[in-house]
Protein backbone atom coordinates (compact mmCIF):
# COMPACT_ATOMS: atom_id res chain seq x y z
CA MET A 1 44.28 -22.72 -1.18
CA THR A 2 43.26 -22.02 -4.48
CA THR A 3 40.48 -23.51 -4.12
CA LYS A 4 39.56 -21.61 -0.46
CA THR A 5 40.59 -18.46 -2.65
CA SER A 6 37.41 -19.42 -5.95
CA THR A 7 35.18 -20.27 -2.87
CA THR A 8 35.44 -16.82 -1.02
CA ARG A 9 34.96 -15.21 -3.94
CA THR A 10 32.43 -17.27 -5.45
CA GLY A 11 30.52 -16.85 -2.31
CA ARG A 12 31.16 -13.10 -2.18
CA ARG A 13 29.41 -12.91 -5.66
CA THR A 14 26.93 -14.70 -4.88
CA GLY A 15 26.07 -12.87 -1.65
CA ARG A 16 26.04 -9.50 -3.59
CA ALA A 17 23.76 -10.75 -6.34
CA ASN A 18 21.27 -11.87 -3.13
CA HIS A 19 21.41 -8.54 -2.17
CA PHE A 20 20.38 -6.99 -5.48
CA LEU A 21 17.91 -9.97 -5.91
CA PRO A 22 15.04 -7.88 -3.87
CA LEU A 23 14.94 -4.71 -6.28
CA ILE A 24 15.51 -7.17 -9.43
CA LEU A 25 11.95 -8.79 -9.13
CA ASP A 26 10.57 -5.71 -7.30
CA VAL A 27 12.04 -2.80 -9.34
CA ALA A 28 13.62 -3.70 -12.45
CA VAL A 29 11.23 -6.52 -13.92
CA PRO A 30 8.09 -4.19 -13.25
CA MET A 31 9.39 -1.26 -15.28
CA GLY A 32 11.50 -3.51 -17.71
CA SER A 33 8.51 -5.63 -18.35
CA TYR A 34 6.11 -2.49 -18.38
CA TYR A 35 8.71 -0.51 -21.69
CA LEU A 36 8.89 -4.18 -22.92
CA LEU A 37 5.63 -4.45 -23.48
CA LYS A 38 4.64 -0.73 -24.55
CA ASP A 39 7.26 0.08 -26.63
CA GLY A 40 8.57 -3.16 -27.55
CA PHE A 41 5.18 -4.75 -28.43
CA GLY A 42 3.05 -2.03 -28.65
CA ALA A 43 0.71 -2.41 -25.94
CA SER A 44 -1.22 0.24 -24.72
CA THR A 45 -0.99 2.08 -21.56
CA PHE A 46 -3.15 0.37 -19.18
CA ALA A 47 -2.31 -2.88 -20.76
CA ALA A 48 1.35 -2.53 -19.92
CA LEU A 49 0.70 -1.41 -16.41
CA ALA A 50 -1.60 -3.80 -15.78
CA TRP A 51 0.65 -7.02 -16.69
CA SER A 52 3.57 -5.16 -15.39
CA SER A 53 1.48 -5.11 -11.78
CA VAL A 54 1.80 -8.82 -12.02
CA VAL A 55 4.97 -9.56 -10.59
CA PRO A 56 4.61 -7.00 -7.78
CA ALA A 57 1.37 -8.08 -6.94
CA LEU A 58 2.50 -11.83 -6.76
CA ARG A 59 5.71 -10.66 -4.14
CA THR A 60 3.09 -9.04 -2.17
CA GLY A 61 0.50 -11.59 -1.62
CA TRP A 62 3.28 -14.08 -1.33
CA GLY A 63 5.01 -11.83 1.44
CA ALA A 64 1.53 -11.52 3.43
CA VAL A 65 0.68 -15.57 3.34
CA ARG A 66 4.15 -17.22 3.83
CA GLU A 67 6.00 -14.92 5.43
CA ARG A 68 3.00 -12.77 7.49
CA LYS A 69 4.95 -9.32 6.29
CA VAL A 70 4.09 -6.98 3.14
CA ASN A 71 7.11 -6.62 0.87
CA GLY A 72 7.97 -3.13 1.15
CA ILE A 73 9.46 -2.11 -2.66
CA ALA A 74 6.91 -4.38 -4.06
CA GLY A 75 4.06 -3.22 -2.51
CA LEU A 76 5.23 0.39 -3.36
CA VAL A 77 5.48 -0.66 -6.85
CA LEU A 78 2.48 -2.16 -6.91
CA VAL A 79 0.44 0.78 -5.65
CA VAL A 80 2.27 3.04 -7.74
CA ASN A 81 1.09 0.70 -10.99
CA VAL A 82 -2.80 1.02 -9.47
CA VAL A 83 -2.83 4.85 -9.26
CA SER A 84 -1.08 5.33 -12.52
CA LEU A 85 -3.78 2.93 -13.74
CA MET A 86 -6.12 5.09 -12.19
CA LEU A 87 -4.58 8.01 -13.51
CA GLY A 88 -5.08 6.62 -16.88
CA PHE A 89 -8.52 7.86 -17.21
CA VAL A 90 -7.90 11.43 -17.08
CA SER A 91 -7.86 12.48 -20.33
CA GLY A 92 -8.40 15.79 -22.27
CA ASP A 93 -7.02 18.75 -20.72
CA PRO A 94 -2.82 18.52 -21.41
CA ARG A 95 -2.36 20.28 -18.53
CA LEU A 96 -4.25 17.49 -16.44
CA MET A 97 -2.17 14.80 -18.71
CA LEU A 98 0.69 16.43 -17.51
CA ALA A 99 -0.04 16.99 -13.82
CA LYS A 100 -1.35 13.40 -13.39
CA ASP A 101 2.52 12.32 -14.22
CA SER A 102 3.03 13.97 -11.14
CA GLY A 103 0.90 11.17 -9.26
CA VAL A 104 3.63 8.35 -9.94
CA SER A 105 6.73 10.56 -7.92
CA SER A 106 4.47 11.66 -4.87
CA THR A 107 3.02 8.37 -4.28
CA VAL A 108 6.47 6.84 -4.33
CA GLY A 109 7.39 9.78 -2.31
CA ILE A 110 4.82 9.68 0.68
CA GLY A 111 5.04 5.83 0.55
CA ILE A 112 9.11 5.98 1.70
CA LEU A 113 7.74 8.50 4.16
CA VAL A 114 5.68 6.76 5.75
CA SER A 115 7.75 3.32 5.31
CA VAL A 116 10.49 6.19 7.92
CA VAL A 117 7.71 6.64 10.62
CA LEU A 118 7.05 2.99 10.75
CA GLY A 119 10.28 2.49 11.44
CA ARG A 120 11.07 0.51 8.14
CA PRO A 121 13.17 2.86 6.07
CA MET A 122 12.44 2.06 2.71
CA MET A 123 15.58 2.99 0.70
CA THR A 124 17.49 0.69 3.01
CA ALA A 125 16.84 -2.31 0.54
CA ALA A 126 18.07 -0.30 -2.33
CA LEU A 127 21.01 1.09 -0.43
CA LYS A 128 22.78 -2.04 1.11
CA PRO A 129 23.89 -3.22 -1.90
CA PHE A 130 26.17 -0.16 -2.71
CA LEU A 131 27.55 -0.46 1.30
CA VAL A 132 28.31 -4.38 2.35
CA LYS A 133 30.75 -4.99 -0.01
CA ASP A 134 32.15 -8.26 1.54
CA ALA A 135 31.69 -10.66 4.47
CA ALA A 136 33.44 -8.41 7.58
CA ARG A 137 30.85 -5.65 6.43
CA GLU A 138 28.06 -8.25 5.86
CA ALA A 139 28.75 -8.88 9.81
CA ALA A 140 29.31 -5.38 10.60
CA TRP A 141 26.34 -4.71 9.26
CA GLY A 142 24.24 -6.87 10.96
CA ARG A 143 25.82 -6.09 14.57
CA LEU A 144 24.76 -2.04 13.42
CA MET A 145 21.27 -2.84 12.55
CA ASP A 146 20.60 -5.66 15.32
CA GLY A 147 21.46 -2.79 17.93
CA THR A 148 24.72 -4.43 19.52
CA ALA A 149 27.05 -2.16 17.69
CA ALA A 150 28.34 1.04 19.86
CA ALA A 151 27.43 3.53 16.90
CA SER A 152 23.71 1.44 16.19
CA ALA A 153 21.84 4.20 17.25
CA ASP A 154 22.83 7.03 15.11
CA PHE A 155 23.31 4.56 11.94
CA ARG A 156 19.83 3.52 12.80
CA ARG A 157 19.10 7.14 12.64
CA LYS A 158 21.03 7.94 9.31
CA GLU A 159 19.22 5.25 8.11
CA ARG A 160 16.18 6.97 8.02
CA VAL A 161 17.47 10.25 7.17
CA PHE A 162 18.53 8.41 3.77
CA SER A 163 15.20 7.25 2.91
CA ALA A 164 13.39 10.45 4.55
CA VAL A 165 15.78 12.56 1.99
CA TRP A 166 14.53 10.44 -1.23
CA GLY A 167 10.94 10.48 0.09
CA GLY A 168 10.98 14.64 0.42
CA VAL A 169 13.27 15.18 -2.65
CA LEU A 170 10.27 13.20 -4.61
CA LEU A 171 7.52 15.36 -3.14
CA ALA A 172 9.23 17.99 -3.73
CA GLU A 173 9.49 17.32 -7.57
CA CYS A 174 5.99 16.44 -8.07
CA LEU A 175 5.10 19.67 -6.19
CA VAL A 176 7.23 21.64 -8.90
CA ARG A 177 5.66 19.56 -11.76
CA ILE A 178 2.13 19.80 -10.97
CA VAL A 179 2.90 23.56 -10.58
CA GLY A 180 4.55 24.10 -13.90
CA ALA A 181 1.67 22.17 -15.28
CA PHE A 182 -0.65 24.89 -15.08
CA THR A 183 1.76 27.90 -15.04
CA VAL A 184 4.28 26.79 -17.52
CA PRO A 185 3.61 26.29 -21.59
CA VAL A 186 2.92 22.95 -22.12
CA ASP A 187 5.28 22.38 -24.82
CA THR A 188 7.41 23.47 -22.55
CA MET A 189 6.57 21.47 -20.13
CA VAL A 190 6.83 18.40 -21.90
CA TRP A 191 10.61 18.67 -21.96
CA LEU A 192 11.42 20.29 -18.79
CA GLY A 193 9.38 17.76 -16.72
CA SER A 194 12.26 15.16 -17.11
CA VAL A 195 14.55 18.34 -16.32
CA VAL A 196 13.19 18.29 -13.16
CA LEU A 197 12.96 15.02 -12.94
CA LEU A 198 16.61 14.21 -13.47
CA GLY A 199 17.34 17.07 -11.54
CA ALA A 200 15.27 15.62 -8.64
CA VAL A 201 17.11 12.20 -9.01
CA GLY A 202 20.73 14.00 -8.67
CA ALA A 203 19.73 16.00 -5.83
CA GLY A 204 18.48 12.48 -4.16
CA ILE A 205 22.02 11.24 -4.88
CA VAL A 206 24.01 14.12 -3.72
CA LEU A 207 21.79 14.57 -0.46
CA GLY A 208 21.47 11.12 0.27
CA GLY A 209 24.75 10.58 -0.07
CA ALA A 210 25.97 13.52 1.94
CA PHE A 211 23.54 12.98 4.43
CA GLY A 212 23.01 9.68 5.01
CA ALA A 213 24.66 6.97 2.82
CA GLY A 214 28.14 8.54 3.74
CA PRO A 215 28.08 8.72 7.17
CA MET A 216 26.85 4.94 7.44
CA GLU A 217 29.57 4.00 4.77
CA ARG A 218 32.02 5.41 7.22
CA MET A 219 29.99 3.67 10.32
CA LEU A 220 30.16 0.48 8.57
CA THR A 221 33.47 0.53 7.95
CA ALA A 222 34.47 1.36 11.25
CA GLU A 223 32.39 -1.62 12.68
CA ALA A 224 34.03 -4.18 10.09
CA ALA A 225 37.62 -3.26 11.00
CA GLY A 226 37.01 -2.95 14.73
CA GLY A 227 34.71 -6.77 14.11
CA GLU A 228 38.24 -8.25 12.38
CA VAL A 229 40.15 -6.73 15.68
CA ARG A 230 38.25 -8.46 17.88
CA GLU A 231 38.09 -11.71 15.88
CA SER A 232 42.29 -11.63 15.64
CA GLU A 233 42.60 -11.36 19.65
CA PRO A 234 41.68 -14.94 20.08
CA ALA A 235 44.66 -15.80 18.29
CA LEU A 236 46.92 -13.30 19.38
CA ALA A 237 46.22 -14.56 23.01
CA ALA A 238 46.93 -18.35 22.15
């Protein structure tokens, strides 16, 4: 009994780790390597961006060759790095330097919105680990995503809404920072840009939770509970 329980817990931990693995490889590793190279080893911004693009480039290429599909998050991180490298050549005018920082947010926002239009919401990979916490919810997630659950259509709609909210918030943040770069004093905008970014992230969390993640979690919980009831019915009948 103890061995079975221990194995089950280990399986759950492994399952959760597998959910987070794509985010670690596609987002955490590139971002962490960028700051490590730039701030830790004193590399130039250009060199840090270039080297931090290696992992997402390999992931994108591997997905295209092996799985015949583009890895959405890895591809987006790669595009963001390339855009940043290109914008890095913009120099001279301090206001242009401030405005170019918005290029990353706009690229991410547009990428997320395009993924919604294509029916492959990119933010799902970031959301799933927070909603799927055990085997029952994993099975419920599968039913809701493949259309076999009664609430599948509404669940997929909320999934698109969650990504659309984040895409819209990031685009709005980009526009606000661009306007600020050319209208607000440079010294003020240097710190205000970070405030705007934090405000956008906060808005994404609140709005995304209210209109997307929250309803999805309730549907997932209901579907998981219904699945457990259906599985227990044959045993009761026997």
